[in-house]
N, C-alpha and C. Protein backbone atom coordinates (compact mmCIF):
# COMPACT_ATOMS: atom_id res chain seq x y z
N MET A 1 194.75 65.68 159.12
CA MET A 1 194.86 64.25 158.43
C MET A 1 193.25 63.35 158.55
N THR A 2 192.56 63.07 158.05
CA THR A 2 191.38 61.93 158.04
C THR A 2 192.27 60.49 158.78
N SER A 3 190.47 60.73 159.74
CA SER A 3 191.72 59.02 159.75
C SER A 3 190.99 57.92 158.49
N PHE A 4 191.50 56.76 159.89
CA PHE A 4 191.61 55.84 157.83
C PHE A 4 190.62 54.45 158.44
N ASP A 5 189.65 54.79 157.48
CA ASP A 5 188.75 53.85 157.01
C ASP A 5 188.60 52.62 156.08
N SER A 6 189.46 51.64 157.01
CA SER A 6 189.51 50.05 156.10
C SER A 6 188.37 49.45 155.50
N ASP A 7 187.22 49.77 155.57
CA ASP A 7 185.44 49.58 155.39
C ASP A 7 185.25 50.43 153.77
N ARG A 8 186.41 52.19 154.06
CA ARG A 8 186.08 52.67 152.60
C ARG A 8 187.32 51.83 151.78
N HIS A 9 188.31 51.23 151.83
CA HIS A 9 189.35 51.59 151.14
C HIS A 9 188.83 49.70 150.84
N ILE A 10 188.53 49.08 151.83
CA ILE A 10 188.18 47.71 150.72
C ILE A 10 187.02 47.72 149.63
N ASP A 11 186.00 48.34 150.08
CA ASP A 11 184.25 48.80 149.01
C ASP A 11 185.43 49.29 147.58
N ALA A 12 186.69 49.33 148.02
CA ALA A 12 187.10 51.08 146.85
C ALA A 12 187.83 49.62 146.04
N LEU A 13 188.58 49.35 146.41
CA LEU A 13 190.07 49.18 146.39
C LEU A 13 190.14 47.76 145.66
N ALA A 14 189.10 46.26 146.37
CA ALA A 14 188.72 45.40 146.54
C ALA A 14 188.01 44.74 144.83
N PRO A 15 187.35 45.40 144.32
CA PRO A 15 186.67 45.38 143.78
C PRO A 15 187.67 45.51 141.96
N ALA A 16 188.53 46.86 142.18
CA ALA A 16 188.88 47.72 141.02
C ALA A 16 191.00 46.73 141.52
N LEU A 17 191.18 45.81 141.89
CA LEU A 17 192.05 44.85 142.01
C LEU A 17 191.57 43.61 142.12
N GLY A 18 189.80 43.07 142.13
CA GLY A 18 189.75 41.87 140.97
C GLY A 18 189.64 41.33 142.25
N LEU A 19 189.97 41.43 143.58
CA LEU A 19 189.90 40.24 144.68
C LEU A 19 188.54 39.97 145.50
N GLU A 20 188.61 38.83 145.50
CA GLU A 20 187.00 38.90 146.68
C GLU A 20 187.11 39.20 147.31
N ILE A 21 186.94 39.25 148.94
CA ILE A 21 186.58 39.38 150.81
C ILE A 21 185.00 39.16 150.69
N ARG A 22 185.03 37.94 151.01
CA ARG A 22 183.98 37.04 151.38
C ARG A 22 183.42 37.48 153.12
N PRO A 23 182.16 37.83 153.15
CA PRO A 23 181.80 38.42 154.16
C PRO A 23 182.40 38.17 156.21
N GLU A 24 183.12 36.32 155.40
CA GLU A 24 183.71 36.78 156.65
C GLU A 24 185.29 36.98 157.21
N TRP A 25 185.80 36.91 155.97
CA TRP A 25 187.67 37.43 155.71
C TRP A 25 187.24 39.17 155.44
N ARG A 26 186.71 39.96 156.15
CA ARG A 26 186.37 41.88 155.74
C ARG A 26 186.61 41.70 157.20
N ALA A 27 186.28 41.17 158.46
CA ALA A 27 187.07 42.24 159.31
C ALA A 27 188.28 41.81 159.45
N GLY A 28 188.94 40.42 159.12
CA GLY A 28 190.40 40.09 159.37
C GLY A 28 191.66 41.06 157.91
N VAL A 29 190.55 41.64 156.78
CA VAL A 29 191.34 42.10 156.14
C VAL A 29 191.08 43.40 156.59
N ALA A 30 191.04 43.97 157.64
CA ALA A 30 189.75 45.61 157.70
C ALA A 30 190.99 45.62 159.05
N GLY A 31 191.64 44.76 159.33
CA GLY A 31 192.49 44.65 160.90
C GLY A 31 194.21 44.90 160.52
N PHE A 32 194.23 44.13 159.61
CA PHE A 32 195.40 43.40 158.40
C PHE A 32 195.57 45.05 157.88
N LEU A 33 194.70 45.25 157.61
CA LEU A 33 195.06 47.12 156.44
C LEU A 33 195.15 48.46 157.69
N THR A 34 194.00 47.97 158.90
CA THR A 34 194.04 49.16 160.35
C THR A 34 195.89 48.95 160.49
N VAL A 35 196.81 47.90 160.70
CA VAL A 35 197.22 47.58 161.01
C VAL A 35 198.64 48.21 159.91
N ALA A 36 198.20 47.77 158.69
CA ALA A 36 199.47 48.27 158.23
C ALA A 36 199.29 50.30 157.86
N ALA A 37 198.49 50.42 157.44
CA ALA A 37 198.00 52.04 157.72
C ALA A 37 198.19 52.14 158.77
N ALA A 38 198.95 52.34 160.35
CA ALA A 38 200.09 52.39 161.69
C ALA A 38 201.01 52.59 161.13
N MET A 39 201.35 51.37 160.37
CA MET A 39 203.19 51.76 159.77
C MET A 39 203.49 52.42 158.91
N ALA A 40 202.16 52.99 158.21
CA ALA A 40 202.81 53.28 156.29
C ALA A 40 202.98 54.67 157.61
N GLU A 41 202.03 55.28 158.48
CA GLU A 41 202.26 56.55 159.83
C GLU A 41 203.11 56.83 160.01
N LEU A 42 204.19 56.18 160.71
CA LEU A 42 205.41 55.62 161.39
C LEU A 42 206.31 55.83 160.35
N VAL A 43 206.60 54.93 159.46
CA VAL A 43 207.73 54.51 158.45
C VAL A 43 207.74 56.45 158.12
N GLU A 44 206.30 57.20 157.47
CA GLU A 44 206.30 58.87 157.02
C GLU A 44 206.41 59.30 158.81
N ALA A 45 206.32 59.61 159.34
CA ALA A 45 207.13 60.08 160.41
C ALA A 45 208.44 60.73 160.55
N ALA A 46 208.95 59.42 159.89
CA ALA A 46 210.59 58.56 160.56
C ALA A 46 211.57 59.46 159.32
N VAL A 47 210.96 58.96 158.83
CA VAL A 47 211.89 58.92 157.05
C VAL A 47 210.88 60.64 155.98
N ASP A 48 212.50 61.35 155.83
CA ASP A 48 211.46 62.79 155.58
C ASP A 48 212.18 62.39 153.79
N ASP A 49 211.69 62.74 152.56
CA ASP A 49 212.02 62.96 151.18
C ASP A 49 213.83 64.06 150.96
N SER A 50 213.77 64.43 151.71
CA SER A 50 215.60 63.87 151.20
C SER A 50 216.04 62.58 151.72
N MET A 51 215.55 61.92 151.70
CA MET A 51 216.32 60.34 152.42
C MET A 51 215.75 59.40 151.28
N ALA A 52 215.41 59.84 150.23
CA ALA A 52 214.29 58.98 149.41
C ALA A 52 214.98 59.13 148.00
N GLU A 53 215.76 58.06 146.60
CA GLU A 53 216.23 58.15 145.88
C GLU A 53 215.08 57.13 145.34
N ALA A 54 215.18 57.97 144.00
CA ALA A 54 214.93 56.65 143.19
C ALA A 54 215.49 55.65 142.27
N ALA A 55 214.94 54.59 142.33
CA ALA A 55 215.43 52.81 141.97
C ALA A 55 216.42 53.27 140.02
N PRO A 56 216.91 52.90 140.11
CA PRO A 56 217.86 52.18 138.59
C PRO A 56 216.16 51.83 137.70
N VAL A 57 216.04 52.19 136.65
CA VAL A 57 215.00 50.48 135.64
C VAL A 57 215.80 49.21 135.46
N TYR A 58 215.65 48.78 135.31
CA TYR A 58 215.70 47.89 134.83
C TYR A 58 215.40 47.39 133.55
N ARG A 59 216.13 47.95 132.67
CA ARG A 59 215.47 46.73 130.96
C ARG A 59 216.40 46.05 130.31
N PRO A 60 216.06 44.63 130.43
CA PRO A 60 216.56 43.66 130.00
C PRO A 60 217.35 43.76 128.11
N GLY A 61 218.79 43.09 128.42
CA GLY A 61 219.18 43.91 127.00
C GLY A 61 220.35 45.37 126.91
N GLU A 62 220.11 46.53 128.36
CA GLU A 62 220.67 47.07 127.95
C GLU A 62 221.57 47.31 128.99
N VAL A 63 222.86 47.91 128.80
CA VAL A 63 224.30 48.20 129.51
C VAL A 63 224.36 48.68 130.50
N ALA A 64 224.66 48.39 132.26
CA ALA A 64 224.21 49.69 132.47
C ALA A 64 225.52 50.94 132.23
N ARG A 65 225.66 52.29 132.08
CA ARG A 65 227.13 52.72 132.58
C ARG A 65 227.20 54.08 133.85
């Protein structure tokens, strides 16, 4: 696995999501993304695919059976 590059994620995702990341915010945003990536790694290591279950889909007006 390659190491997480918060700057590349900011450069790629901010425009795609329509987010403005001002230069003075960039270090803070990068720090939070790095923490989030580390948390995701911990969760992925602790949870295997057999533990996941798809959530039901909500459709207004339909009665669940």
